[in-house]
Amino acid sequence: MSLASFRPFLAQRMVGLGFEQWKDAFNVENIPATRLQKAFHLETITGAGVRQNMHAQEVNLDTTIRIWQKGFRNPSDAMDAALVSVDRICLDLLSVPQRIGGPVKNITLGAITLAPINDSNDNIVVASIGLTAYVILATT
């Protein structure tokens, strides 16, 4: 697998779950309110070499998937709906076929956070899912 194929892999899985990608590379503050529901953003990936032998370099890639969830009647609805979405995403990405049978050698779950979109609006929740992918780059 190449390092460049990890983001398209995540995007494909998220679209398959019914989400739409906000493709801005870095800025998530400019997403319009009309696009928040069922939107996701892939945060910039950071990587670190783990081990190397004569034939391969092992790399851990850390990334965060962000999703937005609106609470139409009250703020707790947004929190509950976001947790349901996070659960669906985690169950999909951490399933055995995706986690170890896809283009990566393993995916592990890091931190999950749910927070209001900003201090004055707790009717929209931003859920962040931290993931680490284990990739082996063939060097020969």
N, C-alpha and C. Protein backbone atom coordinates (compact mmCIF):
# COMPACT_ATOMS: atom_id res chain seq x y z
N MET A 1 0.84 -1.18 0.00
CA MET A 1 0.00 0.00 0.00
C MET A 1 0.88 1.24 0.00
N SER A 2 0.40 2.27 -0.63
CA SER A 2 1.11 3.54 -0.58
C SER A 2 0.45 4.42 0.49
N LEU A 3 1.21 5.39 0.97
CA LEU A 3 0.67 6.31 1.96
C LEU A 3 -0.51 7.09 1.38
N ALA A 4 -0.44 7.38 0.10
CA ALA A 4 -1.46 8.20 -0.55
C ALA A 4 -2.80 7.49 -0.69
N SER A 5 -2.85 6.19 -0.53
CA SER A 5 -4.12 5.48 -0.70
C SER A 5 -4.96 5.40 0.56
N PHE A 6 -4.42 5.85 1.70
CA PHE A 6 -5.17 5.75 2.96
C PHE A 6 -6.35 6.72 3.01
N ARG A 7 -6.13 7.98 2.62
CA ARG A 7 -7.23 8.97 2.64
C ARG A 7 -8.37 8.56 1.69
N PRO A 8 -8.09 8.15 0.45
CA PRO A 8 -9.19 7.70 -0.41
C PRO A 8 -9.92 6.48 0.16
N PHE A 9 -9.20 5.59 0.83
CA PHE A 9 -9.83 4.44 1.47
C PHE A 9 -10.83 4.91 2.53
N LEU A 10 -10.42 5.84 3.40
CA LEU A 10 -11.32 6.35 4.44
C LEU A 10 -12.51 7.08 3.82
N ALA A 11 -12.25 7.90 2.81
CA ALA A 11 -13.33 8.64 2.16
C ALA A 11 -14.36 7.69 1.54
N GLN A 12 -13.88 6.63 0.90
CA GLN A 12 -14.78 5.66 0.29
C GLN A 12 -15.65 4.99 1.34
N ARG A 13 -15.07 4.63 2.47
CA ARG A 13 -15.85 4.00 3.54
C ARG A 13 -16.91 4.96 4.08
N MET A 14 -16.54 6.22 4.27
CA MET A 14 -17.47 7.21 4.82
C MET A 14 -18.62 7.49 3.84
N VAL A 15 -18.31 7.63 2.56
CA VAL A 15 -19.35 7.84 1.55
C VAL A 15 -20.29 6.64 1.52
N GLY A 16 -19.73 5.44 1.65
CA GLY A 16 -20.54 4.23 1.69
C GLY A 16 -21.49 4.19 2.88
N LEU A 17 -21.15 4.92 3.94
CA LEU A 17 -22.03 5.00 5.11
C LEU A 17 -23.03 6.15 5.01
N GLY A 18 -23.02 6.87 3.89
CA GLY A 18 -24.00 7.92 3.68
C GLY A 18 -23.55 9.32 4.03
N PHE A 19 -22.25 9.52 4.24
CA PHE A 19 -21.72 10.85 4.56
C PHE A 19 -21.19 11.50 3.30
N GLU A 20 -21.10 12.83 3.33
CA GLU A 20 -20.56 13.59 2.21
C GLU A 20 -19.30 14.31 2.67
N GLN A 21 -18.24 14.21 1.90
CA GLN A 21 -16.95 14.76 2.30
C GLN A 21 -16.87 16.27 2.10
N TRP A 22 -16.40 16.97 3.13
CA TRP A 22 -16.02 18.37 3.01
C TRP A 22 -14.55 18.33 2.63
N LYS A 23 -14.22 18.72 1.40
CA LYS A 23 -12.90 18.46 0.83
C LYS A 23 -11.87 19.53 1.07
N ASP A 24 -12.19 20.54 1.85
CA ASP A 24 -11.18 21.54 2.16
C ASP A 24 -10.04 20.83 2.89
N ALA A 25 -8.83 21.08 2.49
CA ALA A 25 -7.70 20.33 3.03
C ALA A 25 -7.47 20.57 4.52
N PHE A 26 -7.58 21.81 4.96
CA PHE A 26 -7.25 22.12 6.35
C PHE A 26 -8.36 22.82 7.10
N ASN A 27 -9.07 23.73 6.46
CA ASN A 27 -10.02 24.59 7.16
C ASN A 27 -11.39 23.94 7.25
N VAL A 28 -11.83 23.66 8.46
CA VAL A 28 -13.18 23.14 8.65
C VAL A 28 -14.11 24.23 9.19
N GLU A 29 -13.57 25.42 9.43
CA GLU A 29 -14.38 26.52 9.93
C GLU A 29 -15.26 27.13 8.85
N ASN A 30 -14.95 26.88 7.59
CA ASN A 30 -15.69 27.52 6.50
C ASN A 30 -16.78 26.64 5.90
N ILE A 31 -17.10 25.54 6.53
CA ILE A 31 -18.16 24.68 6.01
C ILE A 31 -19.51 25.37 6.24
N PRO A 32 -20.33 25.49 5.19
CA PRO A 32 -21.61 26.18 5.37
C PRO A 32 -22.58 25.38 6.24
N ALA A 33 -23.43 26.08 6.96
CA ALA A 33 -24.40 25.44 7.85
C ALA A 33 -25.32 24.49 7.08
N THR A 34 -25.57 24.78 5.81
CA THR A 34 -26.44 23.92 5.02
C THR A 34 -25.79 22.59 4.67
N ARG A 35 -24.48 22.48 4.84
CA ARG A 35 -23.76 21.24 4.50
C ARG A 35 -23.34 20.43 5.72
N LEU A 36 -23.68 20.91 6.91
CA LEU A 36 -23.19 20.26 8.13
C LEU A 36 -23.77 18.86 8.34
N GLN A 37 -25.04 18.68 8.09
CA GLN A 37 -25.67 17.39 8.39
C GLN A 37 -25.07 16.30 7.50
N LYS A 38 -24.56 15.25 8.13
CA LYS A 38 -23.96 14.10 7.44
C LYS A 38 -22.71 14.46 6.65
N ALA A 39 -21.99 15.51 7.06
CA ALA A 39 -20.73 15.87 6.41
C ALA A 39 -19.59 15.27 7.21
N PHE A 40 -18.47 15.01 6.54
CA PHE A 40 -17.27 14.56 7.24
C PHE A 40 -16.06 15.26 6.65
N HIS A 41 -15.02 15.31 7.45
CA HIS A 41 -13.75 15.91 7.04
C HIS A 41 -12.63 14.99 7.52
N LEU A 42 -11.65 14.76 6.67
CA LEU A 42 -10.47 13.98 7.04
C LEU A 42 -9.36 14.94 7.40
N GLU A 43 -8.95 14.91 8.65
CA GLU A 43 -7.88 15.79 9.09
C GLU A 43 -6.55 15.34 8.49
N THR A 44 -5.64 16.26 8.42
CA THR A 44 -4.31 15.98 7.90
C THR A 44 -3.70 14.77 8.61
N ILE A 45 -3.06 13.94 7.84
CA ILE A 45 -2.45 12.72 8.38
C ILE A 45 -1.04 13.02 8.87
N THR A 46 -0.70 12.47 10.02
CA THR A 46 0.68 12.47 10.48
C THR A 46 1.15 11.03 10.51
N GLY A 47 2.42 10.83 10.21
CA GLY A 47 2.94 9.47 10.17
C GLY A 47 4.26 9.35 10.89
N ALA A 48 4.56 8.13 11.28
CA ALA A 48 5.83 7.85 11.94
C ALA A 48 6.29 6.46 11.54
N GLY A 49 7.56 6.38 11.18
CA GLY A 49 8.14 5.07 10.89
C GLY A 49 8.24 4.26 12.17
N VAL A 50 7.93 2.98 12.06
CA VAL A 50 7.95 2.11 13.24
C VAL A 50 9.18 1.21 13.20
N ARG A 51 9.22 0.36 12.20
CA ARG A 51 10.35 -0.57 12.04
C ARG A 51 10.70 -0.62 10.56
N GLN A 52 11.92 -1.04 10.31
CA GLN A 52 12.36 -1.20 8.92
C GLN A 52 13.24 -2.42 8.83
N ASN A 53 13.06 -3.15 7.74
CA ASN A 53 13.99 -4.23 7.45
C ASN A 53 14.51 -4.03 6.03
N MET A 54 15.10 -5.04 5.47
CA MET A 54 15.69 -4.88 4.14
C MET A 54 14.64 -4.74 3.04
N HIS A 55 13.40 -5.11 3.32
CA HIS A 55 12.38 -5.15 2.28
C HIS A 55 11.19 -4.22 2.51
N ALA A 56 11.04 -3.69 3.71
CA ALA A 56 9.84 -2.90 3.98
C ALA A 56 10.06 -1.89 5.10
N GLN A 57 9.28 -0.83 5.04
CA GLN A 57 9.22 0.17 6.10
C GLN A 57 7.80 0.12 6.68
N GLU A 58 7.70 -0.07 7.98
CA GLU A 58 6.40 -0.07 8.63
C GLU A 58 6.12 1.35 9.12
N VAL A 59 4.88 1.80 8.90
CA VAL A 59 4.51 3.18 9.20
C VAL A 59 3.17 3.19 9.93
N ASN A 60 3.06 4.01 10.97
CA ASN A 60 1.78 4.29 11.60
C ASN A 60 1.29 5.64 11.11
N LEU A 61 0.08 5.68 10.58
CA LEU A 61 -0.53 6.92 10.10
C LEU A 61 -1.67 7.29 11.04
N ASP A 62 -1.59 8.47 11.63
CA ASP A 62 -2.64 8.96 12.52
C ASP A 62 -3.49 9.97 11.77
N THR A 63 -4.80 9.85 11.91
CA THR A 63 -5.72 10.82 11.31
C THR A 63 -6.96 10.93 12.18
N THR A 64 -7.73 11.96 11.92
CA THR A 64 -8.99 12.17 12.62
C THR A 64 -10.09 12.39 11.60
N ILE A 65 -11.19 11.68 11.79
CA ILE A 65 -12.39 11.90 10.99
C ILE A 65 -13.31 12.77 11.84
N ARG A 66 -13.78 13.87 11.26
CA ARG A 66 -14.74 14.73 11.95
C ARG A 66 -16.09 14.64 11.24
N ILE A 67 -17.15 14.51 12.03
CA ILE A 67 -18.50 14.56 11.48
C ILE A 67 -19.30 15.60 12.25
N TRP A 68 -20.32 16.14 11.60
CA TRP A 68 -21.21 17.13 12.23
C TRP A 68 -22.60 16.55 12.32
N GLN A 69 -23.27 16.84 13.42
CA GLN A 69 -24.63 16.34 13.63
C GLN A 69 -25.48 17.46 14.21
N LYS A 70 -26.61 17.74 13.58
CA LYS A 70 -27.51 18.78 14.07
C LYS A 70 -28.53 18.16 15.02
N GLY A 71 -28.89 18.92 16.02
CA GLY A 71 -29.99 18.56 16.91
C GLY A 71 -31.16 19.44 16.56
N PHE A 72 -32.19 18.89 15.96
CA PHE A 72 -33.26 19.72 15.43
C PHE A 72 -34.23 20.18 16.52
N ARG A 73 -34.44 19.36 17.52
CA ARG A 73 -35.39 19.75 18.57
C ARG A 73 -34.67 20.26 19.82
N ASN A 74 -33.60 19.60 20.18
CA ASN A 74 -32.83 20.07 21.33
C ASN A 74 -31.40 19.56 21.21
N PRO A 75 -30.48 20.18 21.95
CA PRO A 75 -29.06 19.82 21.83
C PRO A 75 -28.75 18.35 22.16
N SER A 76 -29.49 17.75 23.08
CA SER A 76 -29.17 16.36 23.42
C SER A 76 -29.49 15.42 22.26
N ASP A 77 -30.43 15.80 21.38
CA ASP A 77 -30.69 14.99 20.19
C ASP A 77 -29.45 14.92 19.30
N ALA A 78 -28.74 16.04 19.18
CA ALA A 78 -27.53 16.06 18.37
C ALA A 78 -26.46 15.14 18.97
N MET A 79 -26.32 15.17 20.28
CA MET A 79 -25.34 14.30 20.95
C MET A 79 -25.69 12.83 20.74
N ASP A 80 -26.95 12.48 20.92
CA ASP A 80 -27.37 11.09 20.73
C ASP A 80 -27.19 10.63 19.29
N ALA A 81 -27.57 11.47 18.33
CA ALA A 81 -27.42 11.12 16.92
C ALA A 81 -25.95 11.00 16.54
N ALA A 82 -25.11 11.89 17.09
CA ALA A 82 -23.67 11.81 16.80
C ALA A 82 -23.09 10.51 17.33
N LEU A 83 -23.50 10.08 18.50
CA LEU A 83 -23.01 8.81 19.05
C LEU A 83 -23.42 7.63 18.19
N VAL A 84 -24.63 7.66 17.65
CA VAL A 84 -25.08 6.60 16.75
C VAL A 84 -24.20 6.58 15.50
N SER A 85 -23.92 7.76 14.94
CA SER A 85 -23.07 7.83 13.75
C SER A 85 -21.65 7.36 14.04
N VAL A 86 -21.09 7.78 15.17
CA VAL A 86 -19.74 7.34 15.55
C VAL A 86 -19.71 5.83 15.69
N ASP A 87 -20.74 5.27 16.29
CA ASP A 87 -20.82 3.83 16.46
C ASP A 87 -20.81 3.12 15.10
N ARG A 88 -21.61 3.61 14.15
CA ARG A 88 -21.66 3.01 12.81
C ARG A 88 -20.31 3.10 12.11
N ILE A 89 -19.65 4.26 12.23
CA ILE A 89 -18.35 4.44 11.58
C ILE A 89 -17.32 3.49 12.18
N CYS A 90 -17.28 3.43 13.50
CA CYS A 90 -16.30 2.55 14.16
C CYS A 90 -16.55 1.09 13.83
N LEU A 91 -17.82 0.67 13.85
CA LEU A 91 -18.12 -0.72 13.53
C LEU A 91 -17.70 -1.07 12.11
N ASP A 92 -17.84 -0.11 11.19
CA ASP A 92 -17.43 -0.36 9.81
C ASP A 92 -15.91 -0.40 9.67
N LEU A 93 -15.23 0.64 10.14
CA LEU A 93 -13.79 0.73 9.94
C LEU A 93 -13.01 -0.29 10.75
N LEU A 94 -13.55 -0.71 11.89
CA LEU A 94 -12.83 -1.65 12.74
C LEU A 94 -13.26 -3.10 12.53
N SER A 95 -14.15 -3.33 11.55
CA SER A 95 -14.52 -4.71 11.24
C SER A 95 -13.30 -5.41 10.64
N VAL A 96 -13.25 -6.70 10.80
CA VAL A 96 -12.08 -7.46 10.35
C VAL A 96 -11.79 -7.25 8.86
N PRO A 97 -12.79 -7.30 7.96
CA PRO A 97 -12.46 -7.10 6.53
C PRO A 97 -11.84 -5.73 6.24
N GLN A 98 -12.28 -4.69 6.92
CA GLN A 98 -11.72 -3.36 6.69
C GLN A 98 -10.42 -3.17 7.45
N ARG A 99 -10.40 -3.64 8.68
CA ARG A 99 -9.28 -3.38 9.57
C ARG A 99 -8.02 -4.11 9.13
N ILE A 100 -8.16 -5.37 8.70
CA ILE A 100 -6.96 -6.12 8.34
C ILE A 100 -7.02 -6.72 6.94
N GLY A 101 -8.13 -6.57 6.26
CA GLY A 101 -8.23 -7.15 4.93
C GLY A 101 -8.21 -6.13 3.82
N GLY A 102 -8.27 -4.88 4.18
CA GLY A 102 -8.29 -3.82 3.18
C GLY A 102 -6.89 -3.42 2.78
N PRO A 103 -6.73 -2.19 2.34
CA PRO A 103 -5.42 -1.74 1.87
C PRO A 103 -4.44 -1.43 3.01
N VAL A 104 -4.89 -1.51 4.25
CA VAL A 104 -4.01 -1.29 5.39
C VAL A 104 -3.86 -2.60 6.14
N LYS A 105 -2.81 -2.69 6.95
CA LYS A 105 -2.57 -3.92 7.69
C LYS A 105 -3.30 -3.95 9.02
N ASN A 106 -3.67 -2.80 9.53
CA ASN A 106 -4.47 -2.75 10.75
C ASN A 106 -4.94 -1.33 10.96
N ILE A 107 -6.09 -1.18 11.57
CA ILE A 107 -6.62 0.12 11.99
C ILE A 107 -6.99 -0.01 13.45
N THR A 108 -6.53 0.93 14.26
CA THR A 108 -6.91 0.94 15.67
C THR A 108 -7.58 2.26 16.00
N LEU A 109 -8.45 2.20 16.98
CA LEU A 109 -9.21 3.37 17.41
C LEU A 109 -8.44 4.10 18.49
N GLY A 110 -8.37 5.41 18.36
CA GLY A 110 -7.77 6.26 19.38
C GLY A 110 -8.88 6.94 20.17
N ALA A 111 -8.80 8.23 20.29
CA ALA A 111 -9.77 8.99 21.08
C ALA A 111 -11.02 9.33 20.27
N ILE A 112 -12.13 9.38 20.97
CA ILE A 112 -13.39 9.86 20.41
C ILE A 112 -13.82 11.05 21.27
N THR A 113 -14.11 12.17 20.62
CA THR A 113 -14.59 13.34 21.36
C THR A 113 -15.84 13.88 20.69
N LEU A 114 -16.75 14.38 21.51
CA LEU A 114 -17.94 15.06 21.03
C LEU A 114 -17.98 16.42 21.70
N ALA A 115 -18.17 17.47 20.90
CA ALA A 115 -18.14 18.83 21.43
C ALA A 115 -19.11 19.69 20.63
N PRO A 116 -19.58 20.79 21.21
CA PRO A 116 -20.41 21.71 20.42
C PRO A 116 -19.58 22.36 19.33
N ILE A 117 -20.24 22.80 18.28
CA ILE A 117 -19.53 23.41 17.16
C ILE A 117 -18.81 24.68 17.60
N ASN A 118 -19.39 25.42 18.54
CA ASN A 118 -18.72 26.58 19.13
C ASN A 118 -19.39 26.91 20.46
N ASP A 119 -18.88 27.89 21.15
CA ASP A 119 -19.38 28.22 22.49
C ASP A 119 -20.82 28.69 22.50
N SER A 120 -21.27 29.29 21.43
CA SER A 120 -22.63 29.85 21.42
C SER A 120 -23.65 28.94 20.75
N ASN A 121 -23.23 27.79 20.21
CA ASN A 121 -24.16 26.90 19.52
C ASN A 121 -23.89 25.46 19.93
N ASP A 122 -24.68 24.96 20.88
CA ASP A 122 -24.52 23.57 21.28
C ASP A 122 -25.59 22.69 20.65
N ASN A 123 -26.28 23.20 19.62
CA ASN A 123 -27.27 22.43 18.90
C ASN A 123 -26.65 21.66 17.73
N ILE A 124 -25.36 21.92 17.47
CA ILE A 124 -24.62 21.17 16.45
C ILE A 124 -23.40 20.57 17.13
N VAL A 125 -23.27 19.26 17.01
CA VAL A 125 -22.18 18.53 17.64
C VAL A 125 -21.14 18.17 16.60
N VAL A 126 -19.87 18.34 16.96
CA VAL A 126 -18.76 17.88 16.14
C VAL A 126 -18.18 16.65 16.83
N ALA A 127 -18.23 15.53 16.15
CA ALA A 127 -17.65 14.30 16.69
C ALA A 127 -16.33 14.04 15.98
N SER A 128 -15.29 13.76 16.75
CA SER A 128 -13.96 13.47 16.21
C SER A 128 -13.58 12.05 16.57
N ILE A 129 -13.13 11.31 15.57
CA ILE A 129 -12.73 9.92 15.76
C ILE A 129 -11.26 9.80 15.36
N GLY A 130 -10.41 9.52 16.32
CA GLY A 130 -8.98 9.36 16.05
C GLY A 130 -8.67 7.93 15.66
N LEU A 131 -7.93 7.77 14.59
CA LEU A 131 -7.57 6.44 14.09
C LEU A 131 -6.07 6.37 13.81
N THR A 132 -5.53 5.18 13.98
CA THR A 132 -4.16 4.91 13.58
C THR A 132 -4.19 3.72 12.63
N ALA A 133 -3.59 3.91 11.46
CA ALA A 133 -3.50 2.83 10.48
C ALA A 133 -2.05 2.35 10.43
N TYR A 134 -1.91 1.05 10.36
CA TYR A 134 -0.59 0.42 10.25
C TYR A 134 -0.40 0.03 8.79
N VAL A 135 0.63 0.57 8.17
CA VAL A 135 0.87 0.37 6.74
C VAL A 135 2.29 -0.17 6.56
N ILE A 136 2.44 -1.06 5.61
CA ILE A 136 3.78 -1.56 5.27
C ILE A 136 4.11 -1.11 3.85
N LEU A 137 5.18 -0.36 3.74
CA LEU A 137 5.65 0.10 2.44
C LEU A 137 6.75 -0.83 1.96
N ALA A 138 6.54 -1.43 0.83
CA ALA A 138 7.59 -2.29 0.26
C ALA A 138 8.68 -1.40 -0.29
N THR A 139 9.91 -1.58 0.17
CA THR A 139 11.03 -0.73 -0.26
C THR A 139 11.89 -1.41 -1.32
N THR A 140 11.56 -2.64 -1.64
CA THR A 140 12.32 -3.32 -2.70
C THR A 140 11.40 -3.80 -3.80
